[in-house]
Amino acid sequence: MDYKECTCDHCGTIFIVKYCSRIMKVGRGIKRHFLVCPGCKAEYTSYYTNAEIRKQQSRISKLYNAIRMTRNKSLFDQHQKKIDSIRADLERDMNQLRIEVEGTPQG
């Protein structure tokens, strides 16, 4: 697994991101996934999820499990196409949710 090295914008602490460290409910079934700087405790939002996004994430997880179990190239390709399609929808939905929650697009 690849880990990402980050530098805090507030205190300059360099830390390794292994996974999204915290989740907080922000209302209406929306959850904020975020990182916390170990130095100054500044918070960095990774992404937001709602029930539909979590459902899409679950579908992707199940498809990856199916891929791990298959030896059939055709079935592998079918699962991968589904994953790619769901990921595209997921990215769009997550960006839209971030705009709804924060009021500004990520970038």
N, C-alpha and C. Protein backbone atom coordinates (compact mmCIF):
# COMPACT_ATOMS: atom_id res chain seq x y z
N MET A 1 0.84 -1.18 0.00
CA MET A 1 0.00 0.00 0.00
C MET A 1 0.89 1.24 0.00
N ASP A 2 0.52 2.21 -0.82
CA ASP A 2 1.27 3.46 -0.89
C ASP A 2 0.76 4.43 0.16
N TYR A 3 1.69 5.08 0.84
CA TYR A 3 1.34 6.09 1.81
C TYR A 3 1.79 7.44 1.27
N LYS A 4 1.09 8.47 1.65
CA LYS A 4 1.40 9.80 1.16
C LYS A 4 1.99 10.63 2.28
N GLU A 5 3.02 11.38 1.95
CA GLU A 5 3.63 12.29 2.91
C GLU A 5 3.00 13.66 2.73
N CYS A 6 2.57 14.26 3.83
CA CYS A 6 1.93 15.58 3.78
C CYS A 6 2.65 16.55 4.71
N THR A 7 2.57 17.82 4.36
CA THR A 7 3.11 18.87 5.20
C THR A 7 1.97 19.78 5.62
N CYS A 8 1.84 20.00 6.92
CA CYS A 8 0.76 20.85 7.44
C CYS A 8 0.97 22.29 6.98
N ASP A 9 -0.09 22.90 6.47
CA ASP A 9 -0.04 24.30 6.03
C ASP A 9 0.11 25.27 7.20
N HIS A 10 -0.28 24.83 8.39
CA HIS A 10 -0.28 25.72 9.55
C HIS A 10 1.02 25.70 10.33
N CYS A 11 1.56 24.49 10.60
CA CYS A 11 2.74 24.40 11.47
C CYS A 11 3.96 23.80 10.78
N GLY A 12 3.79 23.28 9.56
CA GLY A 12 4.92 22.72 8.82
C GLY A 12 5.29 21.29 9.19
N THR A 13 4.54 20.67 10.09
CA THR A 13 4.80 19.28 10.47
C THR A 13 4.64 18.37 9.26
N ILE A 14 5.59 17.48 9.06
CA ILE A 14 5.50 16.49 7.99
C ILE A 14 4.97 15.21 8.60
N PHE A 15 3.90 14.64 8.00
CA PHE A 15 3.34 13.40 8.53
C PHE A 15 2.92 12.49 7.39
N ILE A 16 2.85 11.21 7.70
CA ILE A 16 2.50 10.19 6.72
C ILE A 16 1.00 9.90 6.83
N VAL A 17 0.33 9.90 5.69
CA VAL A 17 -1.10 9.59 5.65
C VAL A 17 -1.23 8.13 5.22
N LYS A 18 -1.74 7.31 6.13
CA LYS A 18 -1.93 5.90 5.83
C LYS A 18 -3.37 5.63 5.40
N TYR A 19 -4.29 6.37 5.96
CA TYR A 19 -5.71 6.23 5.66
C TYR A 19 -6.39 7.46 6.22
N CYS A 20 -7.64 7.63 5.89
CA CYS A 20 -8.40 8.76 6.43
C CYS A 20 -8.61 8.49 7.91
N SER A 21 -8.11 9.33 8.76
CA SER A 21 -8.05 9.01 10.17
C SER A 21 -9.33 9.23 10.96
N ARG A 22 -10.17 10.14 10.53
CA ARG A 22 -11.36 10.44 11.33
C ARG A 22 -12.59 10.64 10.46
N ILE A 23 -13.73 10.37 11.07
CA ILE A 23 -15.02 10.57 10.40
C ILE A 23 -15.94 11.30 11.37
N MET A 24 -16.64 12.32 10.87
CA MET A 24 -17.55 13.10 11.70
C MET A 24 -18.88 13.27 10.96
N LYS A 25 -19.98 13.06 11.66
CA LYS A 25 -21.28 13.32 11.08
C LYS A 25 -21.49 14.82 11.01
N VAL A 26 -21.97 15.28 9.85
CA VAL A 26 -22.21 16.71 9.69
C VAL A 26 -23.68 17.02 9.43
N GLY A 27 -24.53 16.02 9.55
CA GLY A 27 -25.96 16.24 9.39
C GLY A 27 -26.53 15.65 8.12
N ARG A 28 -27.84 15.43 8.12
CA ARG A 28 -28.59 14.92 6.97
C ARG A 28 -27.96 13.66 6.37
N GLY A 29 -27.35 12.80 7.20
CA GLY A 29 -26.75 11.57 6.72
C GLY A 29 -25.41 11.77 6.05
N ILE A 30 -24.85 12.95 6.15
CA ILE A 30 -23.56 13.27 5.53
C ILE A 30 -22.45 13.08 6.56
N LYS A 31 -21.36 12.44 6.10
CA LYS A 31 -20.19 12.24 6.95
C LYS A 31 -18.98 12.90 6.31
N ARG A 32 -18.20 13.55 7.16
CA ARG A 32 -16.96 14.21 6.71
C ARG A 32 -15.78 13.31 7.09
N HIS A 33 -14.97 12.96 6.10
CA HIS A 33 -13.79 12.14 6.31
C HIS A 33 -12.60 13.09 6.27
N PHE A 34 -11.77 13.07 7.31
CA PHE A 34 -10.71 14.07 7.38
C PHE A 34 -9.46 13.56 8.10
N LEU A 35 -8.38 14.31 7.92
CA LEU A 35 -7.10 14.04 8.56
C LEU A 35 -6.85 15.12 9.60
N VAL A 36 -6.03 14.79 10.60
CA VAL A 36 -5.66 15.75 11.63
C VAL A 36 -4.14 15.79 11.72
N CYS A 37 -3.58 16.99 11.67
CA CYS A 37 -2.14 17.16 11.82
C CYS A 37 -1.74 16.73 13.22
N PRO A 38 -0.75 15.86 13.35
CA PRO A 38 -0.33 15.43 14.68
C PRO A 38 0.38 16.54 15.46
N GLY A 39 0.84 17.59 14.76
CA GLY A 39 1.54 18.69 15.43
C GLY A 39 0.61 19.72 16.03
N CYS A 40 -0.22 20.33 15.19
CA CYS A 40 -1.07 21.44 15.65
C CYS A 40 -2.55 21.11 15.68
N LYS A 41 -2.91 19.91 15.26
CA LYS A 41 -4.30 19.43 15.25
C LYS A 41 -5.18 20.12 14.20
N ALA A 42 -4.56 20.75 13.19
CA ALA A 42 -5.34 21.33 12.08
C ALA A 42 -6.04 20.19 11.34
N GLU A 43 -7.25 20.44 10.88
CA GLU A 43 -8.03 19.42 10.19
C GLU A 43 -8.05 19.68 8.69
N TYR A 44 -7.93 18.58 7.94
CA TYR A 44 -7.95 18.63 6.48
C TYR A 44 -9.00 17.66 5.98
N THR A 45 -10.05 18.19 5.33
CA THR A 45 -11.12 17.34 4.81
C THR A 45 -10.63 16.58 3.59
N SER A 46 -10.81 15.26 3.63
CA SER A 46 -10.47 14.41 2.49
C SER A 46 -11.65 14.36 1.53
N TYR A 47 -12.83 14.04 2.08
CA TYR A 47 -14.03 13.95 1.26
C TYR A 47 -15.26 13.83 2.15
N TYR A 48 -16.42 13.97 1.54
CA TYR A 48 -17.71 13.80 2.23
C TYR A 48 -18.44 12.62 1.61
N THR A 49 -19.26 11.95 2.42
CA THR A 49 -20.10 10.88 1.90
C THR A 49 -21.53 11.05 2.39
N ASN A 50 -22.45 10.53 1.60
CA ASN A 50 -23.84 10.42 2.03
C ASN A 50 -24.24 8.96 1.79
N ALA A 51 -25.47 8.63 2.02
CA ALA A 51 -25.91 7.23 1.91
C ALA A 51 -25.66 6.67 0.51
N GLU A 52 -25.93 7.45 -0.52
CA GLU A 52 -25.75 6.97 -1.89
C GLU A 52 -24.28 6.75 -2.21
N ILE A 53 -23.42 7.65 -1.79
CA ILE A 53 -21.99 7.51 -2.02
C ILE A 53 -21.45 6.29 -1.29
N ARG A 54 -21.87 6.09 -0.05
CA ARG A 54 -21.42 4.91 0.70
C ARG A 54 -21.91 3.62 0.03
N LYS A 55 -23.09 3.66 -0.57
CA LYS A 55 -23.61 2.50 -1.30
C LYS A 55 -22.74 2.22 -2.52
N GLN A 56 -22.35 3.26 -3.25
CA GLN A 56 -21.48 3.10 -4.41
C GLN A 56 -20.11 2.56 -3.98
N GLN A 57 -19.58 3.06 -2.87
CA GLN A 57 -18.30 2.57 -2.37
C GLN A 57 -18.38 1.09 -2.02
N SER A 58 -19.50 0.69 -1.44
CA SER A 58 -19.71 -0.71 -1.09
C SER A 58 -19.78 -1.58 -2.35
N ARG A 59 -20.45 -1.11 -3.37
CA ARG A 59 -20.53 -1.85 -4.64
C ARG A 59 -19.14 -2.05 -5.24
N ILE A 60 -18.32 -1.01 -5.20
CA ILE A 60 -16.94 -1.12 -5.70
C ILE A 60 -16.17 -2.15 -4.90
N SER A 61 -16.30 -2.11 -3.60
CA SER A 61 -15.61 -3.08 -2.73
C SER A 61 -16.02 -4.51 -3.07
N LYS A 62 -17.31 -4.73 -3.27
CA LYS A 62 -17.80 -6.07 -3.61
C LYS A 62 -17.28 -6.52 -4.98
N LEU A 63 -17.21 -5.59 -5.93
CA LEU A 63 -16.68 -5.93 -7.25
C LEU A 63 -15.19 -6.27 -7.18
N TYR A 64 -14.43 -5.55 -6.36
CA TYR A 64 -13.01 -5.89 -6.18
C TYR A 64 -12.86 -7.28 -5.56
N ASN A 65 -13.72 -7.61 -4.62
CA ASN A 65 -13.68 -8.95 -4.04
C ASN A 65 -13.99 -10.00 -5.09
N ALA A 66 -14.95 -9.72 -5.95
CA ALA A 66 -15.30 -10.66 -7.02
C ALA A 66 -14.12 -10.81 -7.99
N ILE A 67 -13.44 -9.72 -8.29
CA ILE A 67 -12.27 -9.78 -9.18
C ILE A 67 -11.19 -10.66 -8.58
N ARG A 68 -10.97 -10.54 -7.29
CA ARG A 68 -9.94 -11.35 -6.63
C ARG A 68 -10.24 -12.84 -6.73
N MET A 69 -11.52 -13.18 -6.82
CA MET A 69 -11.93 -14.58 -6.81
C MET A 69 -12.04 -15.18 -8.22
N THR A 70 -12.05 -14.35 -9.24
CA THR A 70 -12.28 -14.88 -10.59
C THR A 70 -10.97 -15.21 -11.30
N ARG A 71 -11.05 -16.22 -12.12
CA ARG A 71 -9.93 -16.61 -12.98
C ARG A 71 -10.33 -16.41 -14.45
N ASN A 72 -11.55 -15.95 -14.66
CA ASN A 72 -12.11 -15.78 -16.00
C ASN A 72 -11.81 -14.35 -16.48
N LYS A 73 -11.03 -14.22 -17.54
CA LYS A 73 -10.63 -12.91 -18.06
C LYS A 73 -11.83 -12.06 -18.48
N SER A 74 -12.80 -12.68 -19.11
CA SER A 74 -13.99 -11.96 -19.56
C SER A 74 -14.76 -11.38 -18.36
N LEU A 75 -14.93 -12.19 -17.33
CA LEU A 75 -15.63 -11.75 -16.13
C LEU A 75 -14.83 -10.66 -15.41
N PHE A 76 -13.52 -10.84 -15.39
CA PHE A 76 -12.63 -9.83 -14.80
C PHE A 76 -12.85 -8.48 -15.51
N ASP A 77 -12.85 -8.51 -16.83
CA ASP A 77 -13.03 -7.28 -17.61
C ASP A 77 -14.40 -6.65 -17.38
N GLN A 78 -15.43 -7.46 -17.25
CA GLN A 78 -16.79 -6.95 -16.97
C GLN A 78 -16.82 -6.24 -15.62
N HIS A 79 -16.22 -6.87 -14.61
CA HIS A 79 -16.18 -6.26 -13.28
C HIS A 79 -15.39 -4.95 -13.30
N GLN A 80 -14.27 -4.95 -14.03
CA GLN A 80 -13.45 -3.75 -14.09
C GLN A 80 -14.19 -2.60 -14.78
N LYS A 81 -14.95 -2.90 -15.82
CA LYS A 81 -15.75 -1.87 -16.50
C LYS A 81 -16.79 -1.28 -15.55
N LYS A 82 -17.43 -2.15 -14.75
CA LYS A 82 -18.42 -1.68 -13.78
C LYS A 82 -17.75 -0.77 -12.75
N ILE A 83 -16.58 -1.20 -12.28
CA ILE A 83 -15.84 -0.39 -11.29
C ILE A 83 -15.51 0.98 -11.88
N ASP A 84 -15.01 1.01 -13.09
CA ASP A 84 -14.65 2.28 -13.73
C ASP A 84 -15.86 3.19 -13.88
N SER A 85 -17.00 2.62 -14.24
CA SER A 85 -18.22 3.39 -14.40
C SER A 85 -18.70 3.95 -13.05
N ILE A 86 -18.70 3.11 -12.04
CA ILE A 86 -19.14 3.55 -10.71
C ILE A 86 -18.19 4.61 -10.18
N ARG A 87 -16.89 4.43 -10.39
CA ARG A 87 -15.91 5.42 -9.93
C ARG A 87 -16.14 6.79 -10.55
N ALA A 88 -16.46 6.81 -11.83
CA ALA A 88 -16.73 8.08 -12.51
C ALA A 88 -17.95 8.76 -11.88
N ASP A 89 -19.00 7.99 -11.65
CA ASP A 89 -20.20 8.53 -10.99
C ASP A 89 -19.87 8.98 -9.57
N LEU A 90 -19.08 8.19 -8.89
CA LEU A 90 -18.71 8.48 -7.51
C LEU A 90 -17.93 9.79 -7.41
N GLU A 91 -16.98 9.98 -8.30
CA GLU A 91 -16.20 11.22 -8.30
C GLU A 91 -17.10 12.43 -8.51
N ARG A 92 -18.01 12.32 -9.47
CA ARG A 92 -18.94 13.42 -9.74
C ARG A 92 -19.81 13.70 -8.50
N ASP A 93 -20.36 12.63 -7.92
CA ASP A 93 -21.24 12.79 -6.76
C ASP A 93 -20.50 13.35 -5.55
N MET A 94 -19.25 12.91 -5.35
CA MET A 94 -18.47 13.41 -4.21
C MET A 94 -18.12 14.88 -4.39
N ASN A 95 -17.77 15.27 -5.60
CA ASN A 95 -17.48 16.69 -5.86
C ASN A 95 -18.72 17.54 -5.65
N GLN A 96 -19.87 17.06 -6.10
CA GLN A 96 -21.12 17.79 -5.93
C GLN A 96 -21.47 17.92 -4.44
N LEU A 97 -21.27 16.86 -3.68
CA LEU A 97 -21.56 16.90 -2.24
C LEU A 97 -20.64 17.89 -1.54
N ARG A 98 -19.37 17.92 -1.92
CA ARG A 98 -18.43 18.88 -1.31
C ARG A 98 -18.90 20.31 -1.57
N ILE A 99 -19.35 20.58 -2.80
CA ILE A 99 -19.86 21.91 -3.12
C ILE A 99 -21.09 22.24 -2.28
N GLU A 100 -21.99 21.28 -2.12
CA GLU A 100 -23.19 21.50 -1.31
C GLU A 100 -22.84 21.79 0.15
N VAL A 101 -21.85 21.08 0.69
CA VAL A 101 -21.50 21.23 2.11
C VAL A 101 -20.65 22.48 2.33
N GLU A 102 -19.62 22.66 1.50
CA GLU A 102 -18.67 23.75 1.71
C GLU A 102 -19.01 25.01 0.93
N GLY A 103 -19.77 24.86 -0.13
CA GLY A 103 -20.14 26.02 -0.94
C GLY A 103 -19.13 26.38 -2.01
N THR A 104 -18.01 25.65 -2.08
CA THR A 104 -17.01 25.93 -3.11
C THR A 104 -16.50 24.61 -3.69
N PRO A 105 -16.14 24.61 -4.97
CA PRO A 105 -15.58 23.40 -5.55
C PRO A 105 -14.16 23.16 -5.05
N GLN A 106 -13.76 21.88 -5.04
CA GLN A 106 -12.40 21.52 -4.62
C GLN A 106 -11.44 21.89 -5.73
N GLY A 107 -10.25 22.31 -5.36
CA GLY A 107 -9.30 22.61 -6.43
C GLY A 107 -8.30 23.56 -6.00
